[in-house]
Protein backbone atom coordinates (compact mmCIF):
# COMPACT_ATOMS: atom_id res chain seq x y z
CA MET A 1 -2.52 -55.57 -55.74
CA GLN A 2 -0.35 -57.48 -53.33
CA ASN A 3 1.69 -59.20 -56.06
CA LYS A 4 3.33 -55.72 -56.67
CA VAL A 5 4.97 -55.86 -53.17
CA LYS A 6 7.56 -58.30 -52.29
CA PRO A 7 6.77 -60.61 -49.19
CA THR A 8 9.91 -59.27 -47.44
CA ASP A 9 8.24 -55.66 -47.64
CA LEU A 10 5.11 -57.06 -45.98
CA ALA A 11 7.05 -58.83 -43.42
CA TRP A 12 9.04 -55.74 -42.61
CA LEU A 13 5.84 -53.65 -42.38
CA SER A 14 4.30 -56.27 -40.22
CA GLY A 15 7.25 -56.15 -37.81
CA ILE A 16 7.18 -52.30 -37.80
CA TRP A 17 3.47 -52.27 -37.06
CA ASP A 18 3.75 -54.98 -34.39
CA GLY A 19 6.34 -52.71 -32.51
CA GLU A 20 5.23 -49.26 -33.34
CA GLY A 21 1.67 -49.35 -34.64
CA SER A 22 -1.76 -49.60 -33.10
CA VAL A 23 -4.75 -51.80 -34.02
CA SER A 24 -7.77 -51.08 -31.79
CA GLY A 25 -11.53 -50.29 -31.81
CA ARG A 26 -13.29 -46.97 -31.29
CA VAL A 27 -16.85 -45.86 -30.54
CA MET A 28 -17.59 -42.73 -32.50
CA THR A 29 -21.22 -42.44 -31.58
CA LYS A 30 -23.87 -44.75 -30.10
CA THR A 31 -24.56 -45.80 -33.73
CA ASN A 32 -21.03 -45.92 -35.14
CA VAL A 33 -18.15 -48.06 -34.05
CA GLY A 34 -15.01 -49.04 -36.07
CA PRO A 35 -11.47 -50.03 -36.21
CA SER A 36 -8.68 -47.69 -35.24
CA VAL A 37 -5.36 -48.39 -37.14
CA GLN A 38 -2.57 -45.96 -36.57
CA LEU A 39 1.29 -45.50 -36.25
CA SER A 40 3.54 -42.66 -34.92
CA MET A 41 7.37 -42.21 -35.15
CA THR A 42 9.91 -39.71 -35.59
CA CYS A 43 11.68 -41.33 -38.68
CA LYS A 44 10.17 -39.69 -41.75
CA GLU A 45 12.06 -42.02 -44.02
CA THR A 46 10.37 -45.01 -42.40
CA VAL A 47 7.01 -43.45 -42.50
CA ASP A 48 7.38 -42.68 -46.20
CA ARG A 49 8.34 -46.23 -46.98
CA ILE A 50 5.35 -47.48 -44.98
CA LEU A 51 3.03 -45.15 -46.94
CA SER A 52 4.55 -46.29 -50.15
CA ILE A 53 4.03 -50.13 -49.33
CA LEU A 54 0.46 -49.37 -48.24
CA SER A 55 -0.32 -47.53 -51.46
CA ALA A 56 1.19 -50.42 -53.44
CA ILE A 57 -1.24 -52.86 -51.83
CA GLY A 58 -4.19 -50.60 -52.43
CA VAL A 59 -4.65 -49.01 -49.05
CA SER A 60 -5.44 -45.27 -48.88
CA ALA A 61 -3.63 -44.25 -45.61
CA THR A 62 -3.40 -40.71 -44.23
CA GLY A 63 0.00 -39.39 -43.33
CA TYR A 64 0.66 -36.16 -41.51
CA THR A 65 3.42 -34.61 -39.44
CA TYR A 66 3.01 -32.92 -36.01
CA GLN A 67 5.60 -30.55 -34.54
CA GLU A 68 5.63 -29.96 -30.89
CA LYS A 69 5.70 -26.32 -29.78
CA LYS A 70 8.91 -26.98 -27.84
CA ASN A 71 11.90 -26.96 -30.27
CA HIS A 72 13.84 -29.68 -28.52
CA HIS A 73 11.18 -32.43 -29.73
CA LYS A 74 11.64 -34.10 -33.09
CA PRO A 75 8.65 -33.78 -35.48
CA SER A 76 6.30 -36.81 -35.07
CA HIS A 77 5.09 -38.48 -38.14
CA HIS A 78 1.73 -40.26 -38.09
CA ILE A 79 -0.25 -42.80 -40.34
CA ARG A 80 -3.97 -43.45 -39.97
CA VAL A 81 -5.90 -45.93 -41.90
CA PRO A 82 -9.48 -44.54 -41.41
CA ARG A 83 -11.53 -46.70 -43.86
CA SER A 84 -12.83 -50.23 -42.97
CA ALA A 85 -12.16 -51.53 -46.50
CA ASP A 86 -8.58 -50.52 -46.24
CA VAL A 87 -8.30 -52.17 -42.77
CA ILE A 88 -9.41 -55.41 -44.31
CA ILE A 89 -6.75 -55.19 -47.15
CA MET A 90 -4.10 -54.18 -44.76
CA GLY A 91 -4.93 -56.71 -42.08
CA ARG A 92 -5.04 -59.62 -44.66
CA ALA A 93 -1.71 -58.54 -46.05
CA LEU A 94 0.06 -58.31 -42.72
CA LEU A 95 -1.51 -61.17 -40.85
CA PRO A 96 0.65 -63.82 -42.19
CA TYR A 97 3.68 -62.02 -40.80
CA SER A 98 2.19 -60.61 -37.62
CA VAL A 99 3.20 -61.87 -34.19
CA THR A 100 2.18 -59.31 -31.61
CA LYS A 101 -0.74 -57.82 -33.23
CA ARG A 102 -2.12 -61.10 -34.79
CA ARG A 103 -5.24 -61.28 -32.55
CA MET A 104 -5.84 -57.66 -33.03
CA TRP A 105 -5.71 -57.88 -36.88
CA LEU A 106 -8.21 -60.81 -36.67
CA LEU A 107 -10.63 -58.77 -34.70
CA ALA A 108 -10.20 -55.65 -36.65
CA ILE A 109 -10.75 -57.58 -39.91
CA GLU A 110 -13.90 -59.12 -38.61
CA LEU A 111 -15.21 -55.70 -37.31
CA SER A 112 -14.41 -54.06 -40.68
CA GLU A 113 -16.08 -56.80 -42.65
CA ILE A 114 -19.36 -56.34 -40.69
CA LYS A 115 -19.17 -52.61 -41.30
CA VAL A 116 -18.47 -53.08 -45.04
CA SER A 117 -21.27 -55.56 -45.38
CA ARG A 118 -23.79 -52.81 -44.37
CA ARG A 119 -22.59 -50.49 -47.10
CA ARG A 120 -24.05 -49.78 -50.52
CA ILE A 121 -21.86 -50.30 -53.54
CA MET A 122 -21.83 -47.37 -55.90
CA PRO A 123 -21.97 -47.84 -59.65
CA ASP A 124 -18.27 -47.33 -59.96
CA GLY A 125 -17.55 -50.11 -57.43
CA ARG A 126 -16.69 -47.84 -54.44
CA LEU A 127 -18.49 -48.20 -51.15
CA SER A 128 -21.04 -45.48 -50.26
CA ARG A 129 -20.39 -43.16 -47.40
CA GLY A 130 -22.46 -43.58 -44.27
CA GLY A 131 -24.11 -47.12 -44.75
CA ILE A 132 -27.48 -48.44 -45.30
CA PRO A 133 -30.12 -46.42 -43.37
CA ASN A 134 -31.78 -48.02 -40.31
CA SER A 135 -28.76 -50.57 -40.19
CA PRO A 136 -28.09 -50.49 -36.42
CA VAL A 137 -24.72 -51.47 -34.85
CA THR A 138 -24.80 -55.00 -33.85
CA GLU A 139 -23.91 -56.35 -30.50
CA ARG A 140 -21.10 -58.24 -32.18
CA GLU A 141 -19.57 -54.95 -33.35
CA PHE A 142 -19.63 -53.49 -29.79
CA GLU A 143 -18.11 -56.87 -28.50
CA LEU A 144 -15.24 -56.65 -31.10
CA VAL A 145 -14.56 -52.99 -30.04
CA ARG A 146 -14.53 -54.05 -26.48
CA MET A 147 -12.24 -56.95 -27.08
CA LEU A 148 -9.84 -54.75 -29.08
CA ARG A 149 -9.67 -52.00 -26.44
CA GLU A 150 -9.21 -54.60 -23.71
CA ILE A 151 -6.22 -56.10 -25.43
CA ASN A 152 -4.65 -52.61 -25.75
CA TYR A 153 -5.45 -51.43 -22.18
CA ARG A 154 -2.50 -50.85 -19.93
CA GLU A 155 -3.13 -50.49 -16.15
CA LYS A 156 -1.25 -47.90 -14.14
CA PRO A 157 1.47 -49.64 -12.14
CA GLU A 158 0.80 -49.94 -8.41
CA GLY A 159 1.61 -46.78 -6.61
CA ALA A 160 1.37 -44.55 -9.78
CA LEU A 161 -0.69 -41.30 -9.54
């Protein structure tokens, strides 16, 4: 699917994600961990273009808008890439152009590949929801989530409350 998208579009998206996006890991339950890939900004046109590029490379991303209760705030536009299979596609597409988030993409792709490897493939080629029963989360998955979270962790400056 990537051949539908110009390399300059992927490079632009990688730069936007390096600066504004987030690639991390999350623990949903003791038996479910996964990547967390998201972005937020106030420029709707940019978010629309991002969603268009993601769609063109075959990534199913969720876009939504949040308006603060106080009227002096601009609406915030958010993108989430919730599925591991989509994180793999997106990570592989942006990795050649990534600078700031290169290590995070590598870890998120590995984590996603482990998750996808434990899924059944449906007759129509899609991955099943859930996973293979009695397939526990591996220590490597927990390690990858820890590494992703560690990279993203920002300590409070000295003297901050």
